């Protein structure tokens, strides 16, 4: 799984304070006041502790950083920068209590940090049963951008904790915000149930269940509500519908079995659990937008309210992975317990992290563990990891399980994925059949057109139709070096070497590090009499770390050229 290489959490956090720097600040730059910068019994200065904290923060060790910054304060070091660092390090390390106590609130601090500090104080108040304070902060308009979404979703739960029923049952709204609209309706449904207004609660659930396949997200909540109302058969029907969209989902499967056997249903979410889930919504949105520091902050706040939420652990791992901190990412994924809904997802992510670290055997074992429960996404992850490790027959077998599971609803991407694995396994007949099936379901997809068109071209088959397919793919993606390479190679295979050179030169310009494209261009140069340039291209192929087959071809052509090679000409 490709991970975005970014700075550490601490470095990214400086974006919140608008005080990022490229190096360690001097005492003056940091705003530390030397007259108050004392020394402890071991001769450590406040400024030295500040620097140590900065280094720990840059290394992603926020817990250590918070300790250093706190000692810097105790030794008399004082500045707005230090205050904000103390708050951020505490929050990012998960010490919400310390973060709330140290949250900057004065006008000299960054507006962004002050607003996050208000949200932090509200969560800490809710966590310590001071609901009145939490609600007062939430309705304060100073908890503004970019925290309005979190504040609006949290407000009803704070009101419920304060016993203010009318305020608690007012649906959260934020102009133009679809997430708040939808998940605010979920919160309202849960709070309606809490206040014994069951008909209104169910009305909300029915609206949520009308969102097509996306409604599967809300099926566990609605089904559990029905079970608590002793309406087991209706709950089973809800789970069955959701399982059509999410085959094998362990939570839905377990819920269905529970409802069928009339076992004790799950309790209503507590106020703190509901509030924690409300914070996961903006956390997920920030994660999707790669706003990793804010996502991490919200996840830490959510964990303060519900430390046992395993969905939170998966997202925490995703944040660390996005920041390039694979060690902490793996630690978060590994904490998800077997048997939970999040377990397959966590094992899949853990597997890809291990794969990236070069531990392929352990990666495959993790992915196999995740797929053991039969969840669709986990099976696909396992299949993809098998393909990445060149275990193509097993990959084909795993994808086939998903295709059988999906039945008539099997997506064209599954057939494409299996075609690639079959092709690499040496089963071109099966691969070709899958590609044709995928094209039947998705006739105009450029990737499909290019794959099948290129495969026919490279085999000297169906060159006329293949040329048309590749031309269509290039028209859809004129900046794709791979697709332009396919078109150039089609001209080469049909003996039109001048056009082959033209398109292959364009392809190499777009994909200069692709050994296959460079190899094709060398062949085209040779056929138009530009043999020195051809040998240059083949030499370059060897410098680009090609696979064994391409390397052997290039070495052979450097020795003997293209002697005896004849163009394949097909009827147009």
Foldseek 3Di string as FASTA:
>chain_A
DDAAAAFALLQLCVVLFVLHDDDDDDCVSQVWDVVQFAADPVGDTLVNLQVVLVVCSRVNNLVSSLVSLVVSVVSRTDDLNSLLSNLLSCLLVLVLVSNLVSQDQDPVTRLSSNLLSLQSVLLVCVLVLVLVSNLVSLVDPSNDPPRVQLSQLLNLLSCVSVVNLVRNLDQRDDPPDVLSVLVSLQSNLLSCVVVVVNVSSVVSLVVLCPPPLNSLVCLLVNLLSCLVVVNLVVNLVSLVRNCLSWPLQLSSVVSNVCSVVSHDGDDRDDSLLSSLVSLQSVLVVCLVVLVLNVNSSSLSSSCSSPVPDLVSLQSNLSSCSNNVNNVSSLVSLVPDDPSDSCVLVSLLVNLVSCVVVVNLVVSLVSLCSSCVSPTLVSLLSNLVSCVVVVVLVVSLVSLVSNCVSNDPNDALVSLQSNLVSCVSVVNNVSSLVSLVVSCVRVVQDLVSLQVNLLVCLVVLHPLVSSLVSLVSSCVVPVLALSSLLSNLSSCQLQPNLVSSLVSLVSSCVSVVLDLVSLQSNLLSCVSVPNNVSSLVSLVVSVVSPDPPVSVVVSVVCNVVNCPPDDHRHDDD
